[in-house]
Amino acid sequence: VHNINRIHSFWIQNSSRPSSSIYYIYFYCNTFTFRAAVVKMTIVKRSRKKARGRLRSNMKLVIILPIALVVLMVLCVLTIQQIQVKKSTSTSSKKLPNSLQDAKKKAAMKKTMFEETFGDKSEKKLSQIEQIMHGNVSLINLQGGLKTFSHGNKDKLYSVSATFCNLDWDLHKTDPSSYPMNKDLIAKSKYCEKTKFHMDLFDVVTKLREFDSKNNNNNSNIHTMEPKGFVFHESRCGSTLVANSLAAFEPEKNRVYSESSPPVTAAKFYNQDHEEVSLQILRDTIYVMGRTNDEKEENLFFKVQSIGVKSIHVFRKAFPQTPWIFVYRDPVQVMKSHLTVKGTTMAVCLRYKNRPPKDLVDLVHRIGGADKTADSLNYE
């Protein structure tokens, strides 16, 4: 009876189902302790299952509610930002209608110019040499070989193949850091691949000089810029920042070739046996790259690849009046930067470890370092 009373009180406190009356009657009809104990165990098990179910549901609420609140807050913030962006764009479009109209006009003019100049169905389609004359295409590559000087044609000083295409200089002028190298500008220029062609550099320069001499007095936007400066560097030292600064300082007036391949390729053609012709190749290359049909452009700058340091003397001989700078940094920091960026196998400072260039070997012998060990070397 004592057990039944305990179970009865427990049941009254914990049970909420209508079926509890069945068990209630059962308790009073059976006075055996073991039956009451069995019923007690059943009730306890059921109450524990209920408690566990409630705990699980409560835990789910504890976990799900904060997540839902965070998601709701994020959605609210994004919605507010979108509303603000729409308001700002609408207000900016109201405040600056001229700039938007100018951008649209410029894009339309580029498309029209491309269709008129390069389109297959255009009646005004220009020939390849006319595209170069009018400054619609830029020099992007040079190729020469063993027959650069001994080509067998007495009327030509040299034989070098030149590659041209249409470059979108507005990309570099508006955002130099997004197109830091000339190869980036070539890759992102929309019409470069469609307008690419090859011609002999000497033939191009000959026709260009004739064209310029005839049109020298005409009021034309086509003109040739002289180089205002060369930037040499030892790599990983901040030279790109220098080039981008030149481009961003006066974007409308400045054109900056950042590590474009033609100048350094032309400098590699330098041959003491054909010194004057070698220098003329470099001068002609810069002359062609300085052509523009933008009347606002006045200044021409070149940032030469790090390997171009070996050809500084060639640039100085070809352009003795043009200023130049050399950007350098602590050599240990330069090598560390190379190893960090490209790893120990592709680093520039280790590229020719097993087969160093002949001029480097000659330099080491000339300064008397061939018989020295690494421990005996210093910064001096």
Protein backbone atom coordinates (compact mmCIF):
# COMPACT_ATOMS: atom_id res chain seq x y z
CA VAL A 1 0.00 0.00 0.00
CA HIS A 2 2.88 2.29 0.80
CA ASN A 3 4.39 1.74 -2.63
CA ILE A 4 1.02 2.23 -4.29
CA ASN A 5 0.53 5.53 -2.51
CA ARG A 6 3.99 6.72 -3.58
CA ILE A 7 3.34 5.70 -7.16
CA HIS A 8 -0.09 7.26 -7.08
CA SER A 9 1.28 10.62 -5.91
CA PHE A 10 4.07 10.46 -8.48
CA TRP A 11 1.60 9.70 -11.23
CA ILE A 12 -0.72 12.55 -10.26
CA GLN A 13 2.24 14.98 -10.42
CA ASN A 14 3.79 13.79 -13.71
CA SER A 15 1.07 12.31 -15.85
CA SER A 16 -1.14 14.44 -18.08
CA ARG A 17 -2.73 11.84 -20.35
CA PRO A 18 -6.37 10.72 -19.98
CA SER A 19 -5.30 7.10 -20.00
CA SER A 20 -3.77 7.58 -16.53
CA SER A 21 -7.13 6.61 -14.98
CA ILE A 22 -6.63 3.07 -16.18
CA TYR A 23 -3.43 2.75 -14.21
CA TYR A 24 -5.04 4.48 -11.25
CA ILE A 25 -7.76 1.82 -11.01
CA TYR A 26 -5.18 -0.87 -11.51
CA PHE A 27 -3.23 0.31 -8.45
CA TYR A 28 -6.24 0.02 -6.16
CA CYS A 29 -7.26 -3.40 -7.44
CA ASN A 30 -3.87 -4.94 -6.78
CA THR A 31 -2.21 -4.81 -3.40
CA PHE A 32 0.82 -6.83 -4.29
CA THR A 33 4.04 -4.93 -3.95
CA PHE A 34 5.76 -6.46 -6.94
CA ARG A 35 2.88 -5.43 -9.22
CA ALA A 36 3.10 -1.91 -7.90
CA ALA A 37 6.86 -1.93 -8.38
CA VAL A 38 6.46 -3.03 -12.02
CA VAL A 39 3.94 -0.27 -12.64
CA LYS A 40 6.26 2.24 -10.96
CA MET A 41 9.15 1.25 -13.24
CA THR A 42 6.92 1.64 -16.30
CA ILE A 43 5.80 5.10 -15.23
CA VAL A 44 9.35 6.22 -14.49
CA LYS A 45 10.57 5.01 -17.89
CA ARG A 46 7.77 6.86 -19.66
CA SER A 47 8.40 10.03 -17.69
CA ARG A 48 12.10 9.83 -18.53
CA LYS A 49 11.30 9.47 -22.23
CA LYS A 50 9.07 12.53 -21.99
CA ALA A 51 11.79 14.49 -20.23
CA ARG A 52 14.35 13.50 -22.86
CA GLY A 53 11.98 14.47 -25.65
CA ARG A 54 11.36 17.84 -24.03
CA LEU A 55 15.09 18.34 -23.53
CA ARG A 56 15.81 17.54 -27.16
CA SER A 57 13.11 19.88 -28.39
CA ASN A 58 14.41 22.59 -26.08
CA MET A 59 17.96 22.05 -27.34
CA LYS A 60 16.78 22.32 -30.93
CA LEU A 61 15.10 25.60 -30.11
CA VAL A 62 18.23 26.85 -28.35
CA ILE A 63 20.36 26.05 -31.41
CA ILE A 64 17.93 26.99 -34.18
CA LEU A 65 16.63 30.27 -32.76
CA PRO A 66 20.03 32.08 -32.61
CA ILE A 67 20.93 30.86 -36.11
CA ALA A 68 17.59 32.06 -37.43
CA LEU A 69 18.07 35.42 -35.74
CA VAL A 70 21.58 35.79 -37.23
CA VAL A 71 20.34 34.89 -40.72
CA LEU A 72 17.49 37.36 -40.35
CA MET A 73 19.89 40.11 -39.26
CA VAL A 74 22.22 39.39 -42.21
CA LEU A 75 19.31 39.54 -44.64
CA CYS A 76 18.19 42.83 -43.14
CA VAL A 77 21.71 44.29 -43.43
CA LEU A 78 22.05 43.15 -47.06
CA THR A 79 18.67 44.58 -47.90
CA ILE A 80 19.60 47.91 -46.34
CA GLN A 81 22.91 47.97 -48.22
CA GLN A 82 21.17 47.23 -51.53
CA ILE A 83 18.74 50.04 -50.87
CA GLN A 84 21.62 52.40 -50.07
CA VAL A 85 23.53 51.35 -53.20
CA LYS A 86 20.46 51.94 -55.33
CA LYS A 87 20.00 55.34 -53.75
CA SER A 88 23.65 56.26 -54.22
CA THR A 89 23.69 55.12 -57.86
CA SER A 90 20.48 56.98 -58.55
CA THR A 91 21.80 60.14 -56.89
CA SER A 92 25.18 59.83 -58.64
CA SER A 93 23.46 59.33 -61.96
CA LYS A 94 21.44 62.43 -61.25
CA LYS A 95 24.48 64.42 -60.17
CA LEU A 96 26.85 63.19 -62.88
CA PRO A 97 24.89 62.71 -66.08
CA ASN A 98 27.76 64.04 -68.17
CA SER A 99 30.26 61.43 -66.95
CA LEU A 100 27.86 58.56 -67.68
CA GLN A 101 27.04 59.98 -71.06
CA ASP A 102 30.74 60.41 -71.81
CA ALA A 103 31.45 56.80 -70.84
CA LYS A 104 28.64 55.55 -73.08
CA LYS A 105 29.79 57.77 -75.92
CA LYS A 106 33.37 56.56 -75.50
CA ALA A 107 32.32 52.91 -75.58
CA ALA A 108 30.17 53.54 -78.66
CA MET A 109 33.03 55.39 -80.34
CA LYS A 110 35.40 52.47 -79.66
CA LYS A 111 32.95 50.02 -81.14
CA THR A 112 32.35 52.23 -84.16
CA MET A 113 36.08 52.80 -84.64
CA PHE A 114 36.74 49.07 -84.49
CA GLU A 115 34.00 48.27 -87.00
CA GLU A 116 35.15 51.00 -89.39
CA THR A 117 38.84 50.17 -89.07
CA PHE A 118 38.88 46.40 -88.76
CA GLY A 119 35.39 45.25 -89.79
CA ASP A 120 35.20 42.88 -92.75
CA LYS A 121 32.14 44.64 -94.21
CA SER A 122 33.47 48.15 -93.69
CA GLU A 123 34.10 50.31 -96.75
CA LYS A 124 36.67 52.33 -94.76
CA LYS A 125 38.64 49.27 -93.69
CA LEU A 126 42.30 50.21 -93.42
CA SER A 127 45.21 48.12 -94.54
CA GLN A 128 47.67 46.86 -91.96
CA ILE A 129 50.23 49.59 -92.60
CA GLU A 130 47.45 52.22 -92.48
CA GLN A 131 46.34 50.89 -89.10
CA ILE A 132 49.90 51.44 -87.83
CA MET A 133 50.12 54.88 -89.44
CA HIS A 134 46.90 56.04 -87.80
CA GLY A 135 47.91 54.74 -84.38
CA ASN A 136 45.12 52.19 -84.16
CA VAL A 137 47.45 49.31 -83.27
CA SER A 138 50.49 48.97 -81.02
CA LEU A 139 53.71 47.00 -81.26
CA ILE A 140 53.57 44.04 -78.85
CA ASN A 141 56.39 41.68 -79.91
CA LEU A 142 59.58 41.33 -81.96
CA GLN A 143 61.20 38.25 -83.45
CA GLY A 144 64.62 37.97 -85.02
CA GLY A 145 67.23 35.32 -85.67
CA LEU A 146 70.58 34.61 -87.21
CA LYS A 147 69.63 36.59 -90.31
CA THR A 148 68.81 39.79 -88.41
CA PHE A 149 71.88 41.51 -89.90
CA SER A 150 72.96 39.11 -92.70
CA HIS A 151 69.62 38.86 -94.50
CA GLY A 152 70.98 39.28 -98.03
CA ASN A 153 68.97 42.42 -98.92
CA LYS A 154 71.15 45.51 -99.43
CA ASP A 155 68.17 47.86 -99.25
CA LYS A 156 67.37 46.82 -95.68
CA LEU A 157 69.55 47.44 -92.64
CA TYR A 158 68.04 44.57 -90.68
CA SER A 159 65.30 41.93 -90.77
CA VAL A 160 63.05 41.71 -87.72
CA SER A 161 59.45 40.51 -87.58
CA ALA A 162 57.07 42.78 -85.63
CA THR A 163 53.67 41.85 -84.17
CA PHE A 164 50.90 44.43 -83.81
CA CYS A 165 47.40 44.48 -82.31
CA ASN A 166 44.81 46.91 -80.97
CA LEU A 167 45.33 47.69 -77.25
CA ASP A 168 42.72 49.28 -74.98
CA TRP A 169 44.92 51.84 -73.22
CA ASP A 170 41.95 53.19 -71.25
CA LEU A 171 42.08 50.04 -69.10
CA HIS A 172 45.61 50.80 -67.95
CA LYS A 173 45.06 54.53 -67.59
CA THR A 174 41.96 54.20 -65.41
CA ASP A 175 43.27 51.38 -63.19
CA PRO A 176 47.04 50.71 -63.52
CA SER A 177 47.16 48.34 -60.55
CA SER A 178 44.70 45.94 -62.20
CA TYR A 179 46.85 45.80 -65.35
CA PRO A 180 50.37 46.23 -63.91
CA MET A 181 52.21 44.55 -66.79
CA ASN A 182 51.92 45.03 -70.52
CA LYS A 183 51.09 41.33 -70.89
CA ASP A 184 48.03 41.90 -68.66
CA LEU A 185 46.86 44.73 -70.92
CA ILE A 186 47.37 42.55 -74.00
CA ALA A 187 45.39 39.70 -72.44
CA LYS A 188 42.48 41.94 -71.39
CA SER A 189 42.26 44.08 -74.53
CA LYS A 190 39.05 43.02 -76.21
CA TYR A 191 40.16 43.39 -79.83
CA CYS A 192 43.84 42.44 -79.57
CA GLU A 193 43.52 38.83 -80.70
CA LYS A 194 41.14 39.75 -83.53
CA THR A 195 43.43 42.48 -84.90
CA LYS A 196 46.82 40.78 -84.51
CA PHE A 197 49.13 40.70 -87.54
CA HIS A 198 52.85 40.57 -88.41
CA MET A 199 55.01 42.84 -90.56
CA ASP A 200 58.70 43.52 -91.13
CA LEU A 201 59.85 46.23 -88.71
CA PHE A 202 62.24 47.94 -91.14
CA ASP A 203 59.54 48.20 -93.84
CA VAL A 204 57.06 49.58 -91.30
CA VAL A 205 59.47 52.24 -90.02
CA THR A 206 60.40 53.32 -93.57
CA LYS A 207 56.74 53.88 -94.51
CA LEU A 208 55.96 55.55 -91.18
CA ARG A 209 58.73 58.12 -91.60
CA GLU A 210 57.50 58.92 -95.11
CA PHE A 211 53.95 59.30 -93.80
CA ASP A 212 55.03 61.54 -90.91
CA SER A 213 57.14 63.77 -93.15
CA LYS A 214 54.16 64.37 -95.46
CA ASN A 215 51.67 64.93 -92.63
CA ASN A 216 53.94 66.94 -90.38
CA ASN A 217 52.10 70.22 -91.03
CA ASN A 218 48.58 68.80 -90.99
CA ASN A 219 46.30 69.38 -88.00
CA SER A 220 46.09 65.69 -87.14
CA ASN A 221 45.86 63.90 -83.79
CA ILE A 222 48.40 61.37 -84.98
CA HIS A 223 51.84 62.08 -83.56
CA THR A 224 54.92 60.33 -82.20
CA MET A 225 56.04 60.73 -78.58
CA GLU A 226 59.70 60.76 -77.63
CA PRO A 227 60.68 58.67 -74.58
CA LYS A 228 60.73 60.77 -71.42
CA GLY A 229 62.32 58.14 -69.17
CA PHE A 230 63.41 54.53 -68.68
CA VAL A 231 62.95 52.59 -65.43
CA PHE A 232 65.43 49.76 -64.76
CA HIS A 233 65.29 47.55 -61.69
CA GLU A 234 66.61 44.40 -60.07
CA SER A 235 63.17 42.75 -59.65
CA ARG A 236 60.93 42.48 -56.55
CA CYS A 237 61.97 45.96 -55.43
CA GLY A 238 58.93 48.20 -56.02
CA SER A 239 59.47 49.04 -59.68
CA THR A 240 55.83 48.30 -60.52
CA LEU A 241 54.80 50.93 -58.00
CA VAL A 242 57.03 53.42 -59.84
CA ALA A 243 55.43 52.53 -63.19
CA ASN A 244 51.89 52.69 -61.80
CA SER A 245 52.67 56.06 -60.22
CA LEU A 246 53.79 57.42 -63.58
CA ALA A 247 50.60 56.12 -65.20
CA ALA A 248 48.30 57.44 -62.46
CA PHE A 249 49.98 60.83 -62.07
CA GLU A 250 48.60 62.20 -65.35
CA PRO A 251 46.72 59.36 -67.08
CA GLU A 252 45.58 61.46 -70.01
CA LYS A 253 49.08 62.67 -70.84
CA ASN A 254 51.21 59.66 -69.90
CA ARG A 255 51.60 56.33 -71.63
CA VAL A 256 53.60 53.73 -69.69
CA TYR A 257 54.85 50.47 -71.17
CA SER A 258 55.42 48.23 -68.15
CA GLU A 259 57.80 45.38 -69.04
CA SER A 260 56.76 45.26 -72.67
CA SER A 261 58.83 42.72 -74.61
CA PRO A 262 59.83 44.70 -77.77
CA PRO A 263 62.37 47.12 -76.15
CA VAL A 264 64.31 44.46 -74.24
CA THR A 265 64.20 42.15 -77.28
CA ALA A 266 65.58 44.94 -79.49
CA ALA A 267 68.32 45.60 -76.93
CA LYS A 268 69.31 41.92 -77.03
CA PHE A 269 70.03 42.29 -80.76
CA TYR A 270 72.97 44.52 -79.86
CA ASN A 271 76.12 43.42 -81.66
CA GLN A 272 79.43 45.27 -81.50
CA ASP A 273 80.21 44.23 -85.06
CA HIS A 274 76.95 45.89 -86.15
CA GLU A 275 76.71 48.48 -83.42
CA GLU A 276 75.01 51.30 -85.32
CA VAL A 277 72.43 48.97 -86.87
CA SER A 278 71.81 47.40 -83.47
CA LEU A 279 71.13 50.79 -81.94
CA GLN A 280 68.89 51.71 -84.86
CA ILE A 281 66.72 48.65 -84.17
CA LEU A 282 66.14 49.89 -80.62
CA ARG A 283 65.44 53.45 -81.80
CA ASP A 284 62.98 52.22 -84.42
CA THR A 285 61.23 50.04 -81.86
CA ILE A 286 60.72 52.95 -79.47
CA TYR A 287 59.67 55.17 -82.39
CA VAL A 288 56.90 52.77 -83.43
CA MET A 289 55.73 52.26 -79.84
CA GLY A 290 55.54 56.02 -79.33
CA ARG A 291 52.91 56.56 -82.03
CA THR A 292 49.45 57.60 -80.85
CA ASN A 293 46.22 59.06 -82.19
CA ASP A 294 45.30 60.55 -78.82
CA GLU A 295 46.01 64.28 -78.96
CA LYS A 296 46.21 64.48 -75.14
CA GLU A 297 49.10 62.02 -74.83
CA GLU A 298 52.48 63.72 -74.49
CA ASN A 299 54.80 61.61 -72.31
CA LEU A 300 56.18 58.15 -73.01
CA PHE A 301 57.76 55.98 -70.31
CA PHE A 302 59.18 52.47 -70.29
CA LYS A 303 59.68 50.13 -67.36
CA VAL A 304 62.16 47.54 -68.64
CA GLN A 305 62.27 43.94 -67.39
CA SER A 306 64.90 43.15 -64.76
CA ILE A 307 67.01 41.33 -67.34
CA GLY A 308 67.18 44.62 -69.22
CA VAL A 309 69.70 45.80 -66.63
CA LYS A 310 72.33 43.96 -68.68
CA SER A 311 71.44 46.27 -71.59
CA ILE A 312 71.49 49.64 -69.84
CA HIS A 313 74.53 50.63 -71.87
CA VAL A 314 72.60 49.91 -75.09
CA PHE A 315 69.71 52.16 -74.05
CA ARG A 316 72.13 54.90 -73.02
CA LYS A 317 73.92 54.75 -76.37
CA ALA A 318 70.66 54.78 -78.32
CA PHE A 319 69.08 57.55 -76.19
CA PRO A 320 71.89 59.51 -74.53
CA GLN A 321 69.62 62.46 -73.68
CA THR A 322 66.82 60.44 -72.10
CA PRO A 323 66.86 60.24 -68.27
CA TRP A 324 66.73 56.85 -66.57
CA ILE A 325 66.60 55.46 -63.04
CA PHE A 326 67.58 52.17 -61.42
CA VAL A 327 65.35 50.85 -58.63
CA TYR A 328 67.05 48.52 -56.15
CA ARG A 329 66.57 46.93 -52.76
CA ASP A 330 68.50 44.93 -50.17
CA PRO A 331 69.65 41.83 -52.16
CA VAL A 332 68.71 39.46 -49.34
CA GLN A 333 65.16 40.83 -49.34
CA VAL A 334 64.97 40.50 -53.12
CA MET A 335 66.00 36.83 -53.05
CA LYS A 336 63.67 36.15 -50.13
CA SER A 337 60.78 37.68 -52.07
CA HIS A 338 61.54 35.51 -55.09
CA LEU A 339 61.65 32.35 -53.01
CA THR A 340 58.44 33.26 -51.21
CA VAL A 341 56.49 33.97 -54.38
CA LYS A 342 57.67 31.26 -56.77
CA GLY A 343 59.38 28.68 -54.58
CA THR A 344 62.87 27.27 -54.72
CA THR A 345 62.50 25.69 -58.15
CA MET A 346 61.05 28.58 -60.19
CA ALA A 347 62.79 31.53 -58.52
CA VAL A 348 64.54 33.85 -60.96
CA CYS A 349 67.69 33.94 -58.83
CA LEU A 350 67.98 30.13 -59.15
CA ARG A 351 66.83 29.73 -62.74
CA TYR A 352 70.36 29.68 -64.19
CA LYS A 353 72.10 28.11 -61.21
CA ASN A 354 73.39 25.12 -63.18
CA ARG A 355 74.00 26.98 -66.46
CA PRO A 356 74.86 30.62 -65.70
CA PRO A 357 74.97 33.05 -68.66
CA LYS A 358 78.34 33.67 -70.26
CA ASP A 359 78.34 37.39 -69.44
CA LEU A 360 77.77 36.57 -65.76
CA VAL A 361 80.66 34.11 -65.74
CA ASP A 362 82.87 36.70 -67.46
CA LEU A 363 81.85 39.28 -64.85
CA VAL A 364 82.81 36.96 -61.98
CA HIS A 365 86.21 36.27 -63.57
CA ARG A 366 86.75 39.96 -64.27
CA ILE A 367 86.20 41.02 -60.66
CA GLY A 368 88.35 38.16 -59.39
CA GLY A 369 85.64 36.13 -57.69
CA ALA A 370 86.06 32.85 -59.51
CA ASP A 371 88.50 31.46 -56.93
CA LYS A 372 86.52 32.66 -53.89
CA THR A 373 84.19 30.61 -51.72
CA ALA A 374 80.75 31.66 -50.59
CA ASP A 375 81.98 32.29 -47.04
CA SER A 376 84.56 34.79 -48.21
CA LEU A 377 82.07 36.94 -50.18
CA ASN A 378 80.47 40.08 -48.74
CA TYR A 379 78.20 42.92 -49.87
CA GLU A 380 81.13 44.93 -51.24
